[in-house]
């Protein structure tokens, strides 16, 4: 009877081919398989992020109509016209105003409200969280229509009724350049403030109670406890809130501008985000819109980089 190959094989004999296959399989599973899992996400990022960015950069050097595929190369003319335009300078200034209002309404106020809730019971905190978060779950168009009643220019508008109690004449809140931009910023901040309030509360709850109790035993009370313990440990959450607020500040006011003012009166509520939309999809000047988009990316990238360079040194990350 013939013995099997396994039974006739000498003990201790090595198999170089089998060992190399094991090493190749291990190398493939260690270094290649992870990228195969990432491939769908990478393809989506390339298709929906990097290709549109490259297309936008390409269009910014051309002039033409969005509806006409024929476009002419103009080099840096689109950028030169924007940088020399007084209207564009005003739009940049108003965009900075929107960002300042967003930092106040979506960072400073939510953090202040979160600090005021430190000594509330769980039931009281749940009530305030639900009340402040409610505007976040309402559709933005509905929010704008609700606030439109507040800003009615007639005596029946809620704000005009309130100032009538002080013997003041009715105001055209959304038609007056002095009131229009703060009114739009108020609507946007009221909409998103509740979500940032929840993030601030979560950041405060993440501070270990042992550290607070130890500081209290060592004599830290009131403002000293807040300044030396609470705020430094809350700094990473605060930095995150500042970052996401700056990034979304211009986008947050897009819907109120689109529904209520369309950038008016006399461009008083226009900002860089809405100007890109108007140039590209209302006037079909795709070259100007693309150049403004590139400038928007550069400005936001620079602002975020400088913010991290300036603020990150005061941020303490718990290890």
C-alpha atoms as a PDB file:
ATOM      1  CA  UNK A   1       0.000   0.000   0.000  1.00  0.00           C
ATOM      2  CA  UNK A   2       1.313   3.446  -0.952  1.00  0.00           C
ATOM      3  CA  UNK A   3       1.867   5.812   1.888  1.00  0.00           C
ATOM      4  CA  UNK A   4       0.427   9.256   1.687  1.00  0.00           C
ATOM      5  CA  UNK A   5       2.681  12.226   1.000  1.00  0.00           C
ATOM      6  CA  UNK A   6       2.047  13.506   4.496  1.00  0.00           C
ATOM      7  CA  UNK A   7       3.163  10.222   6.079  1.00  0.00           C
ATOM      8  CA  UNK A   8       6.316   9.962   3.992  1.00  0.00           C
ATOM      9  CA  UNK A   9       7.435  13.479   4.505  1.00  0.00           C
ATOM     10  CA  UNK A  10      10.428  13.762   6.755  1.00  0.00           C
ATOM     11  CA  UNK A  11       9.884  15.604  10.009  1.00  0.00           C
ATOM     12  CA  UNK A  12      11.429  19.093  10.213  1.00  0.00           C
ATOM     13  CA  UNK A  13      11.484  19.581   6.437  1.00  0.00           C
ATOM     14  CA  UNK A  14      10.902  23.256   5.443  1.00  0.00           C
ATOM     15  CA  UNK A  15       8.578  24.444   2.692  1.00  0.00           C
ATOM     16  CA  UNK A  16       9.950  27.728   1.250  1.00  0.00           C
ATOM     17  CA  UNK A  17       7.084  28.142  -1.207  1.00  0.00           C
ATOM     18  CA  UNK A  18       4.440  27.770   1.496  1.00  0.00           C
ATOM     19  CA  UNK A  19       6.276  30.218   3.754  1.00  0.00           C
ATOM     20  CA  UNK A  20       6.502  32.835   1.006  1.00  0.00           C
ATOM     21  CA  UNK A  21       2.776  32.457   0.349  1.00  0.00           C
ATOM     22  CA  UNK A  22       2.062  33.047   4.018  1.00  0.00           C
ATOM     23  CA  UNK A  23       4.247  36.167   4.009  1.00  0.00           C
ATOM     24  CA  UNK A  24       2.604  37.502   0.827  1.00  0.00           C
ATOM     25  CA  UNK A  25      -0.854  36.848   2.261  1.00  0.00           C
ATOM     26  CA  UNK A  26       0.078  38.600   5.512  1.00  0.00           C
ATOM     27  CA  UNK A  27       1.564  41.570   3.629  1.00  0.00           C
ATOM     28  CA  UNK A  28      -1.506  41.843   1.393  1.00  0.00           C
ATOM     29  CA  UNK A  29      -3.930  41.711   4.331  1.00  0.00           C
ATOM     30  CA  UNK A  30      -1.828  44.169   6.367  1.00  0.00           C
ATOM     31  CA  UNK A  31      -1.059  46.818   3.741  1.00  0.00           C
ATOM     32  CA  UNK A  32      -3.556  46.439   0.889  1.00  0.00           C
ATOM     33  CA  UNK A  33      -6.849  45.273   2.352  1.00  0.00           C
ATOM     34  CA  UNK A  34      -7.355  48.428   4.500  1.00  0.00           C
ATOM     35  CA  UNK A  35      -7.121  50.573   1.370  1.00  0.00           C
ATOM     36  CA  UNK A  36      -9.650  48.359  -0.364  1.00  0.00           C
ATOM     37  CA  UNK A  37     -12.083  49.111   2.456  1.00  0.00           C
ATOM     38  CA  UNK A  38     -11.354  52.822   2.079  1.00  0.00           C
ATOM     39  CA  UNK A  39     -11.745  52.813  -1.702  1.00  0.00           C
ATOM     40  CA  UNK A  40     -15.524  53.562  -1.813  1.00  0.00           C
ATOM     41  CA  UNK A  41     -15.132  56.524   0.544  1.00  0.00           C
ATOM     42  CA  UNK A  42     -12.040  57.773  -1.315  1.00  0.00           C
ATOM     43  CA  UNK A  43     -13.851  57.564  -4.647  1.00  0.00           C
ATOM     44  CA  UNK A  44     -16.775  59.533  -3.214  1.00  0.00           C
ATOM     45  CA  UNK A  45     -14.430  62.205  -1.812  1.00  0.00           C
ATOM     46  CA  UNK A  46     -12.572  62.484  -5.110  1.00  0.00           C
ATOM     47  CA  UNK A  47     -15.789  62.636  -7.129  1.00  0.00           C
ATOM     48  CA  UNK A  48     -17.755  65.061  -4.952  1.00  0.00           C
ATOM     49  CA  UNK A  49     -14.970  67.173  -3.374  1.00  0.00           C
ATOM     50  CA  UNK A  50     -11.688  67.261  -5.283  1.00  0.00           C
ATOM     51  CA  UNK A  51     -13.039  67.105  -8.830  1.00  0.00           C
ATOM     52  CA  UNK A  52     -15.513  69.974  -8.207  1.00  0.00           C
ATOM     53  CA  UNK A  53     -12.701  71.973  -6.585  1.00  0.00           C
ATOM     54  CA  UNK A  54     -10.477  71.414  -9.614  1.00  0.00           C
ATOM     55  CA  UNK A  55     -13.355  72.326 -11.939  1.00  0.00           C
ATOM     56  CA  UNK A  56     -14.046  75.495  -9.960  1.00  0.00           C
ATOM     57  CA  UNK A  57     -10.397  76.525 -10.147  1.00  0.00           C
ATOM     58  CA  UNK A  58     -10.422  75.886 -13.898  1.00  0.00           C
ATOM     59  CA  UNK A  59     -13.583  77.939 -14.449  1.00  0.00           C
ATOM     60  CA  UNK A  60     -12.215  80.839 -12.398  1.00  0.00           C
ATOM     61  CA  UNK A  61      -9.706  81.518 -15.196  1.00  0.00           C
ATOM     62  CA  UNK A  62     -12.412  81.579 -17.864  1.00  0.00           C
ATOM     63  CA  UNK A  63     -15.295  83.822 -18.781  1.00  0.00           C
ATOM     64  CA  UNK A  64     -18.607  82.573 -20.066  1.00  0.00           C
ATOM     65  CA  UNK A  65     -22.239  81.819 -19.430  1.00  0.00           C
ATOM     66  CA  UNK A  66     -23.387  78.872 -17.368  1.00  0.00           C
ATOM     67  CA  UNK A  67     -25.822  77.892 -20.119  1.00  0.00           C
ATOM     68  CA  UNK A  68     -23.228  78.226 -22.904  1.00  0.00           C
ATOM     69  CA  UNK A  69     -20.458  75.599 -23.072  1.00  0.00           C
ATOM     70  CA  UNK A  70     -18.195  77.989 -25.001  1.00  0.00           C
ATOM     71  CA  UNK A  71     -15.866  79.836 -22.661  1.00  0.00           C
ATOM     72  CA  UNK A  72     -12.843  82.062 -23.212  1.00  0.00           C
ATOM     73  CA  UNK A  73      -9.650  82.042 -21.170  1.00  0.00           C
ATOM     74  CA  UNK A  74      -9.156  85.351 -19.337  1.00  0.00           C
ATOM     75  CA  UNK A  75      -6.397  84.474 -16.900  1.00  0.00           C
ATOM     76  CA  UNK A  76      -6.567  86.485 -13.681  1.00  0.00           C
ATOM     77  CA  UNK A  77      -9.092  89.027 -14.980  1.00  0.00           C
ATOM     78  CA  UNK A  78     -11.908  87.629 -12.825  1.00  0.00           C
ATOM     79  CA  UNK A  79      -9.797  87.966  -9.686  1.00  0.00           C
ATOM     80  CA  UNK A  80      -8.610  91.453 -10.674  1.00  0.00           C
ATOM     81  CA  UNK A  81     -12.166  92.674 -11.225  1.00  0.00           C
ATOM     82  CA  UNK A  82     -13.279  91.310  -7.862  1.00  0.00           C
ATOM     83  CA  UNK A  83     -10.380  92.738  -5.896  1.00  0.00           C
ATOM     84  CA  UNK A  84     -10.908  96.180  -7.509  1.00  0.00           C
ATOM     85  CA  UNK A  85     -14.684  96.165  -7.035  1.00  0.00           C
ATOM     86  CA  UNK A  86     -16.121  98.372  -4.246  1.00  0.00           C
ATOM     87  CA  UNK A  87     -19.197  96.123  -4.162  1.00  0.00           C
ATOM     88  CA  UNK A  88     -17.003  93.085  -3.478  1.00  0.00           C
ATOM     89  CA  UNK A  89     -15.187  94.975  -0.720  1.00  0.00           C
ATOM     90  CA  UNK A  90     -18.537  95.752   0.877  1.00  0.00           C
ATOM     91  CA  UNK A  91     -19.590  92.105   0.600  1.00  0.00           C
ATOM     92  CA  UNK A  92     -16.382  91.039   2.361  1.00  0.00           C
ATOM     93  CA  UNK A  93     -16.991  93.547   5.150  1.00  0.00           C
ATOM     94  CA  UNK A  94     -20.573  92.369   5.615  1.00  0.00           C
ATOM     95  CA  UNK A  95     -19.379  88.757   5.644  1.00  0.00           C
ATOM     96  CA  UNK A  96     -17.058  89.695   8.512  1.00  0.00           C
ATOM     97  CA  UNK A  97     -20.037  91.272  10.305  1.00  0.00           C
ATOM     98  CA  UNK A  98     -22.005  88.040   9.921  1.00  0.00           C
ATOM     99  CA  UNK A  99     -19.092  86.092  11.377  1.00  0.00           C
ATOM    100  CA  UNK A 100     -18.886  88.429  14.372  1.00  0.00           C
ATOM    101  CA  UNK A 101     -22.627  88.113  15.001  1.00  0.00           C
ATOM    102  CA  UNK A 102     -22.287  84.320  14.727  1.00  0.00           C
ATOM    103  CA  UNK A 103     -19.474  84.220  17.280  1.00  0.00           C
ATOM    104  CA  UNK A 104     -21.667  86.164  19.688  1.00  0.00           C
ATOM    105  CA  UNK A 105     -24.926  84.328  19.078  1.00  0.00           C
ATOM    106  CA  UNK A 106     -23.611  80.817  18.433  1.00  0.00           C
ATOM    107  CA  UNK A 107     -20.567  80.648  20.721  1.00  0.00           C
ATOM    108  CA  UNK A 108     -20.618  83.255  23.479  1.00  0.00           C
ATOM    109  CA  UNK A 109     -24.320  83.051  24.356  1.00  0.00           C
ATOM    110  CA  UNK A 110     -24.590  79.214  24.261  1.00  0.00           C
ATOM    111  CA  UNK A 111     -21.481  78.842  26.420  1.00  0.00           C
ATOM    112  CA  UNK A 112     -22.795  81.436  28.880  1.00  0.00           C
ATOM    113  CA  UNK A 113     -26.152  79.654  29.090  1.00  0.00           C
ATOM    114  CA  UNK A 114     -24.400  76.317  29.558  1.00  0.00           C
ATOM    115  CA  UNK A 115     -22.349  77.729  32.438  1.00  0.00           C
ATOM    116  CA  UNK A 116     -25.531  79.002  34.087  1.00  0.00           C
ATOM    117  CA  UNK A 117     -26.950  75.464  34.068  1.00  0.00           C
ATOM    118  CA  UNK A 118     -24.096  73.912  36.071  1.00  0.00           C
ATOM    119  CA  UNK A 119     -26.069  73.944  39.317  1.00  0.00           C
ATOM    120  CA  UNK A 120     -29.421  72.848  37.870  1.00  0.00           C
ATOM    121  CA  UNK A 121     -30.974  69.494  38.585  1.00  0.00           C
ATOM    122  CA  UNK A 122     -31.214  66.916  35.813  1.00  0.00           C
ATOM    123  CA  UNK A 123     -34.927  67.590  35.258  1.00  0.00           C
ATOM    124  CA  UNK A 124     -34.390  71.332  35.047  1.00  0.00           C
ATOM    125  CA  UNK A 125     -31.486  70.851  32.652  1.00  0.00           C
ATOM    126  CA  UNK A 126     -33.573  68.527  30.454  1.00  0.00           C
ATOM    127  CA  UNK A 127     -36.271  71.205  30.218  1.00  0.00           C
ATOM    128  CA  UNK A 128     -33.835  73.924  29.175  1.00  0.00           C
ATOM    129  CA  UNK A 129     -32.128  71.641  26.688  1.00  0.00           C
ATOM    130  CA  UNK A 130     -35.448  70.736  25.067  1.00  0.00           C
ATOM    131  CA  UNK A 131     -36.609  74.360  24.946  1.00  0.00           C
ATOM    132  CA  UNK A 132     -33.398  75.685  23.423  1.00  0.00           C
ATOM    133  CA  UNK A 133     -32.956  72.788  21.008  1.00  0.00           C
ATOM    134  CA  UNK A 134     -36.494  73.054  19.609  1.00  0.00           C
ATOM    135  CA  UNK A 135     -35.643  75.665  16.902  1.00  0.00           C
ATOM    136  CA  UNK A 136     -32.911  73.384  15.581  1.00  0.00           C
ATOM    137  CA  UNK A 137     -35.384  70.681  14.515  1.00  0.00           C
ATOM    138  CA  UNK A 138     -37.736  73.128  12.767  1.00  0.00           C
ATOM    139  CA  UNK A 139     -37.263  73.530   9.009  1.00  0.00           C
ATOM    140  CA  UNK A 140     -35.313  76.684   8.202  1.00  0.00           C
ATOM    141  CA  UNK A 141     -37.972  78.002   5.817  1.00  0.00           C
ATOM    142  CA  UNK A 142     -40.559  77.681   8.581  1.00  0.00           C
ATOM    143  CA  UNK A 143     -38.264  79.523  10.993  1.00  0.00           C
ATOM    144  CA  UNK A 144     -37.833  82.340   8.492  1.00  0.00           C
ATOM    145  CA  UNK A 145     -41.584  82.674   7.954  1.00  0.00           C
ATOM    146  CA  UNK A 146     -42.154  82.801  11.718  1.00  0.00           C
ATOM    147  CA  UNK A 147     -39.623  85.595  12.103  1.00  0.00           C
ATOM    148  CA  UNK A 148     -41.047  87.420   9.089  1.00  0.00           C
ATOM    149  CA  UNK A 149     -44.108  88.187  11.219  1.00  0.00           C
ATOM    150  CA  UNK A 150     -41.828  89.664  13.884  1.00  0.00           C
ATOM    151  CA  UNK A 151     -40.190  91.958  11.342  1.00  0.00           C
ATOM    152  CA  UNK A 152     -43.332  93.157   9.559  1.00  0.00           C
ATOM    153  CA  UNK A 153     -42.976  96.819   8.615  1.00  0.00           C
ATOM    154  CA  UNK A 154     -46.623  97.485   9.462  1.00  0.00           C
ATOM    155  CA  UNK A 155     -47.853  98.446  12.958  1.00  0.00           C
ATOM    156  CA  UNK A 156     -49.060  94.839  13.323  1.00  0.00           C
ATOM    157  CA  UNK A 157     -45.491  93.482  13.365  1.00  0.00           C
ATOM    158  CA  UNK A 158     -44.531  92.131  16.772  1.00  0.00           C
ATOM    159  CA  UNK A 159     -41.393  94.244  17.120  1.00  0.00           C
ATOM    160  CA  UNK A 160     -43.261  97.351  15.989  1.00  0.00           C
ATOM    161  CA  UNK A 161     -45.909  96.651  18.611  1.00  0.00           C
ATOM    162  CA  UNK A 162     -43.218  96.394  21.257  1.00  0.00           C
ATOM    163  CA  UNK A 163     -41.554  99.674  20.307  1.00  0.00           C
ATOM    164  CA  UNK A 164     -45.002 101.301  20.076  1.00  0.00           C
ATOM    165  CA  UNK A 165     -45.230 100.794  23.843  1.00  0.00           C
ATOM    166  CA  UNK A 166     -42.232 103.156  24.039  1.00  0.00           C
ATOM    167  CA  UNK A 167     -43.963 105.702  21.751  1.00  0.00           C
ATOM    168  CA  UNK A 168     -41.622 104.904  18.860  1.00  0.00           C
ATOM    169  CA  UNK A 169     -42.786 104.910  15.207  1.00  0.00           C
ATOM    170  CA  UNK A 170     -42.921 101.632  13.235  1.00  0.00           C
ATOM    171  CA  UNK A 171     -39.662 100.532  11.625  1.00  0.00           C
ATOM    172  CA  UNK A 172     -39.007  98.804   8.314  1.00  0.00           C
ATOM    173  CA  UNK A 173     -36.682  96.257   9.855  1.00  0.00           C
ATOM    174  CA  UNK A 174     -35.769  94.370   6.678  1.00  0.00           C
ATOM    175  CA  UNK A 175     -35.817  97.411   4.376  1.00  0.00           C
ATOM    176  CA  UNK A 176     -33.606  99.632   6.487  1.00  0.00           C
ATOM    177  CA  UNK A 177     -29.869  98.988   5.833  1.00  0.00           C
ATOM    178  CA  UNK A 178     -29.135  99.719   9.487  1.00  0.00           C
ATOM    179  CA  UNK A 179     -31.419  96.943  10.786  1.00  0.00           C
ATOM    180  CA  UNK A 180     -31.498  94.433   7.933  1.00  0.00           C
ATOM    181  CA  UNK A 181     -28.169  92.677   8.522  1.00  0.00           C
ATOM    182  CA  UNK A 182     -28.558  92.297  12.323  1.00  0.00           C
ATOM    183  CA  UNK A 183     -32.115  91.026  11.747  1.00  0.00           C
ATOM    184  CA  UNK A 184     -30.917  88.309   9.363  1.00  0.00           C
ATOM    185  CA  UNK A 185     -28.122  87.356  11.778  1.00  0.00           C
ATOM    186  CA  UNK A 186     -30.629  87.140  14.637  1.00  0.00           C
ATOM    187  CA  UNK A 187     -32.767  84.627  12.729  1.00  0.00           C
ATOM    188  CA  UNK A 188     -29.799  82.388  11.880  1.00  0.00           C
ATOM    189  CA  UNK A 189     -28.352  82.446  15.393  1.00  0.00           C
ATOM    190  CA  UNK A 190     -31.721  81.655  16.976  1.00  0.00           C
ATOM    191  CA  UNK A 191     -31.972  78.638  14.686  1.00  0.00           C
ATOM    192  CA  UNK A 192     -28.581  77.076  15.506  1.00  0.00           C
ATOM    193  CA  UNK A 193     -27.966  78.341  19.051  1.00  0.00           C
ATOM    194  CA  UNK A 194     -29.705  75.362  20.672  1.00  0.00           C
ATOM    195  CA  UNK A 195     -27.425  72.808  19.038  1.00  0.00           C
ATOM    196  CA  UNK A 196     -24.323  74.685  20.152  1.00  0.00           C
ATOM    197  CA  UNK A 197     -25.823  74.927  23.634  1.00  0.00           C
ATOM    198  CA  UNK A 198     -26.025  71.116  23.775  1.00  0.00           C
ATOM    199  CA  UNK A 199     -22.390  70.850  22.677  1.00  0.00           C
ATOM    200  CA  UNK A 200     -21.361  73.302  25.371  1.00  0.00           C
ATOM    201  CA  UNK A 201     -23.297  71.390  28.040  1.00  0.00           C
ATOM    202  CA  UNK A 202     -21.670  68.137  26.892  1.00  0.00           C
ATOM    203  CA  UNK A 203     -18.236  69.760  27.108  1.00  0.00           C
ATOM    204  CA  UNK A 204     -18.896  70.938  30.651  1.00  0.00           C
ATOM    205  CA  UNK A 205     -20.204  67.524  31.713  1.00  0.00           C
ATOM    206  CA  UNK A 206     -17.017  65.928  30.350  1.00  0.00           C
ATOM    207  CA  UNK A 207     -14.933  67.753  32.969  1.00  0.00           C
ATOM    208  CA  UNK A 208     -14.060  65.154  35.632  1.00  0.00           C
ATOM    209  CA  UNK A 209     -15.860  65.825  38.909  1.00  0.00           C
ATOM    210  CA  UNK A 210     -12.801  64.669  40.829  1.00  0.00           C
ATOM    211  CA  UNK A 211     -10.818  67.641  39.527  1.00  0.00           C
ATOM    212  CA  UNK A 212     -13.576  70.080  40.480  1.00  0.00           C
ATOM    213  CA  UNK A 213     -13.906  68.579  43.945  1.00  0.00           C
ATOM    214  CA  UNK A 214     -10.140  68.657  44.489  1.00  0.00           C
ATOM    215  CA  UNK A 215      -9.987  72.313  43.418  1.00  0.00           C
ATOM    216  CA  UNK A 216     -12.905  73.134  45.717  1.00  0.00           C
ATOM    217  CA  UNK A 217     -11.136  71.469  48.653  1.00  0.00           C
ATOM    218  CA  UNK A 218      -7.992  73.470  47.854  1.00  0.00           C
ATOM    219  CA  UNK A 219      -9.968  76.693  48.189  1.00  0.00           C
ATOM    220  CA  UNK A 220     -10.932  77.475  44.594  1.00  0.00           C
ATOM    221  CA  UNK A 221     -14.407  79.012  44.565  1.00  0.00           C
ATOM    222  CA  UNK A 222     -16.520  81.148  42.272  1.00  0.00           C
ATOM    223  CA  UNK A 223     -14.660  83.010  39.571  1.00  0.00           C
ATOM    224  CA  UNK A 224     -11.312  81.487  40.556  1.00  0.00           C
ATOM    225  CA  UNK A 225     -12.671  77.972  40.032  1.00  0.00           C
ATOM    226  CA  UNK A 226     -14.219  79.042  36.727  1.00  0.00           C
ATOM    227  CA  UNK A 227     -11.131  80.793  35.387  1.00  0.00           C
ATOM    228  CA  UNK A 228      -8.442  78.340  36.482  1.00  0.00           C
ATOM    229  CA  UNK A 229     -10.210  74.979  36.263  1.00  0.00           C
ATOM    230  CA  UNK A 230     -13.474  74.978  34.315  1.00  0.00           C
ATOM    231  CA  UNK A 231     -12.593  77.220  31.360  1.00  0.00           C
ATOM    232  CA  UNK A 232      -9.157  75.632  30.646  1.00  0.00           C
ATOM    233  CA  UNK A 233     -10.680  72.131  30.637  1.00  0.00           C
ATOM    234  CA  UNK A 234     -13.589  73.389  28.515  1.00  0.00           C
ATOM    235  CA  UNK A 235     -11.218  75.018  25.993  1.00  0.00           C
ATOM    236  CA  UNK A 236     -11.151  72.102  23.453  1.00  0.00           C
ATOM    237  CA  UNK A 237     -14.944  72.223  23.179  1.00  0.00           C
ATOM    238  CA  UNK A 238     -14.835  76.001  22.932  1.00  0.00           C
ATOM    239  CA  UNK A 239     -12.260  75.833  20.145  1.00  0.00           C
ATOM    240  CA  UNK A 240     -14.434  73.344  18.287  1.00  0.00           C
ATOM    241  CA  UNK A 241     -17.464  75.634  18.617  1.00  0.00           C
ATOM    242  CA  UNK A 242     -15.505  78.605  17.310  1.00  0.00           C
ATOM    243  CA  UNK A 243     -14.244  76.577  14.343  1.00  0.00           C
ATOM    244  CA  UNK A 244     -17.597  75.168  13.229  1.00  0.00           C
ATOM    245  CA  UNK A 245     -19.253  78.556  13.774  1.00  0.00           C
ATOM    246  CA  UNK A 246     -16.773  80.380  11.558  1.00  0.00           C
ATOM    247  CA  UNK A 247     -17.065  77.732   8.858  1.00  0.00           C
ATOM    248  CA  UNK A 248     -20.874  77.775   8.855  1.00  0.00           C
ATOM    249  CA  UNK A 249     -21.501  81.455   9.608  1.00  0.00           C
ATOM    250  CA  UNK A 250     -22.085  82.536   6.007  1.00  0.00           C
ATOM    251  CA  UNK A 251     -24.036  79.426   5.070  1.00  0.00           C
ATOM    252  CA  UNK A 252     -26.317  79.760   8.112  1.00  0.00           C
ATOM    253  CA  UNK A 253     -27.743  83.089   6.891  1.00  0.00           C
ATOM    254  CA  UNK A 254     -28.253  81.946   3.295  1.00  0.00           C
ATOM    255  CA  UNK A 255     -31.883  80.876   3.711  1.00  0.00           C
ATOM    256  CA  UNK A 256     -33.033  84.050   5.536  1.00  0.00           C
ATOM    257  CA  UNK A 257     -31.349  86.176   2.872  1.00  0.00           C
ATOM    258  CA  UNK A 258     -32.854  84.127   0.040  1.00  0.00           C
ATOM    259  CA  UNK A 259     -36.388  84.214   1.452  1.00  0.00           C
ATOM    260  CA  UNK A 260     -36.589  87.689   2.998  1.00  0.00           C
ATOM    261  CA  UNK A 261     -34.190  90.135   1.351  1.00  0.00           C
ATOM    262  CA  UNK A 262     -32.356  88.539  -1.613  1.00  0.00           C
ATOM    263  CA  UNK A 263     -29.281  90.513  -0.594  1.00  0.00           C
ATOM    264  CA  UNK A 264     -31.063  93.858  -0.298  1.00  0.00           C
ATOM    265  CA  UNK A 265     -31.803  96.541   0.441  1.00  0.00           C
ATOM    266  CA  UNK A 266     -29.021  97.883  -1.781  1.00  0.00           C
ATOM    267  CA  UNK A 267     -26.794  94.869  -1.013  1.00  0.00           C
ATOM    268  CA  UNK A 268     -27.047  95.605   2.719  1.00  0.00           C
ATOM    269  CA  UNK A 269     -27.566  91.916   3.656  1.00  0.00           C
ATOM    270  CA  UNK A 270     -25.440  90.326   0.952  1.00  0.00           C
ATOM    271  CA  UNK A 271     -22.469  88.144   1.892  1.00  0.00           C
ATOM    272  CA  UNK A 272     -19.869  86.101   0.068  1.00  0.00           C
ATOM    273  CA  UNK A 273     -21.888  82.880   0.061  1.00  0.00           C
ATOM    274  CA  UNK A 274     -25.051  84.474  -1.322  1.00  0.00           C
ATOM    275  CA  UNK A 275     -23.032  86.524  -3.825  1.00  0.00           C
ATOM    276  CA  UNK A 276     -21.570  83.287  -5.242  1.00  0.00           C
ATOM    277  CA  UNK A 277     -25.077  81.884  -5.614  1.00  0.00           C
ATOM    278  CA  UNK A 278     -26.320  85.068  -7.303  1.00  0.00           C
ATOM    279  CA  UNK A 279     -23.424  85.300  -9.731  1.00  0.00           C
ATOM    280  CA  UNK A 280     -23.578  81.636 -10.699  1.00  0.00           C
ATOM    281  CA  UNK A 281     -27.264  80.732 -10.675  1.00  0.00           C
ATOM    282  CA  UNK A 282     -29.097  84.038 -11.108  1.00  0.00           C
ATOM    283  CA  UNK A 283     -26.829  85.943 -13.504  1.00  0.00           C
ATOM    284  CA  UNK A 284     -25.034  82.828 -14.868  1.00  0.00           C
ATOM    285  CA  UNK A 285     -21.593  84.468 -14.684  1.00  0.00           C
ATOM    286  CA  UNK A 286     -19.786  81.249 -13.917  1.00  0.00           C
ATOM    287  CA  UNK A 287     -16.276  82.731 -14.120  1.00  0.00           C
ATOM    288  CA  UNK A 288     -16.953  85.398 -11.508  1.00  0.00           C
ATOM    289  CA  UNK A 289     -18.762  82.917  -9.260  1.00  0.00           C
ATOM    290  CA  UNK A 290     -15.868  80.445  -9.483  1.00  0.00           C
ATOM    291  CA  UNK A 291     -13.304  83.144  -8.677  1.00  0.00           C
ATOM    292  CA  UNK A 292     -15.352  84.188  -5.642  1.00  0.00           C
ATOM    293  CA  UNK A 293     -15.534  80.540  -4.561  1.00  0.00           C
ATOM    294  CA  UNK A 294     -11.755  80.181  -4.739  1.00  0.00           C
ATOM    295  CA  UNK A 295     -11.307  83.386  -2.716  1.00  0.00           C
ATOM    296  CA  UNK A 296     -13.838  82.090  -0.184  1.00  0.00           C
ATOM    297  CA  UNK A 297     -11.846  78.878   0.259  1.00  0.00           C
ATOM    298  CA  UNK A 298      -8.593  80.810   0.675  1.00  0.00           C
ATOM    299  CA  UNK A 299     -10.095  83.263   3.158  1.00  0.00           C
ATOM    300  CA  UNK A 300     -11.706  80.565   5.284  1.00  0.00           C
ATOM    301  CA  UNK A 301      -8.611  78.388   5.156  1.00  0.00           C
ATOM    302  CA  UNK A 302      -6.439  81.303   6.274  1.00  0.00           C
ATOM    303  CA  UNK A 303      -8.897  82.266   9.022  1.00  0.00           C
ATOM    304  CA  UNK A 304      -9.072  78.732  10.409  1.00  0.00           C
ATOM    305  CA  UNK A 305      -5.288  78.347  10.277  1.00  0.00           C
ATOM    306  CA  UNK A 306      -4.693  81.630  12.119  1.00  0.00           C
ATOM    307  CA  UNK A 307      -7.380  80.728  14.634  1.00  0.00           C
ATOM    308  CA  UNK A 308      -5.643  77.465  15.487  1.00  0.00           C
ATOM    309  CA  UNK A 309      -2.263  79.168  15.651  1.00  0.00           C
ATOM    310  CA  UNK A 310      -3.592  81.804  18.044  1.00  0.00           C
ATOM    311  CA  UNK A 311      -6.027  79.804  20.164  1.00  0.00           C
ATOM    312  CA  UNK A 312      -4.516  76.331  20.302  1.00  0.00           C
ATOM    313  CA  UNK A 313      -1.751  77.487  22.669  1.00  0.00           C
ATOM    314  CA  UNK A 314      -4.420  78.161  25.331  1.00  0.00           C
ATOM    315  CA  UNK A 315      -6.183  74.848  24.830  1.00  0.00           C
ATOM    316  CA  UNK A 316      -5.479  72.063  27.316  1.00  0.00           C
ATOM    317  CA  UNK A 317      -6.203  68.534  26.124  1.00  0.00           C
ATOM    318  CA  UNK A 318      -6.783  65.973  28.848  1.00  0.00           C
ATOM    319  CA  UNK A 319      -4.648  62.877  28.385  1.00  0.00           C
END
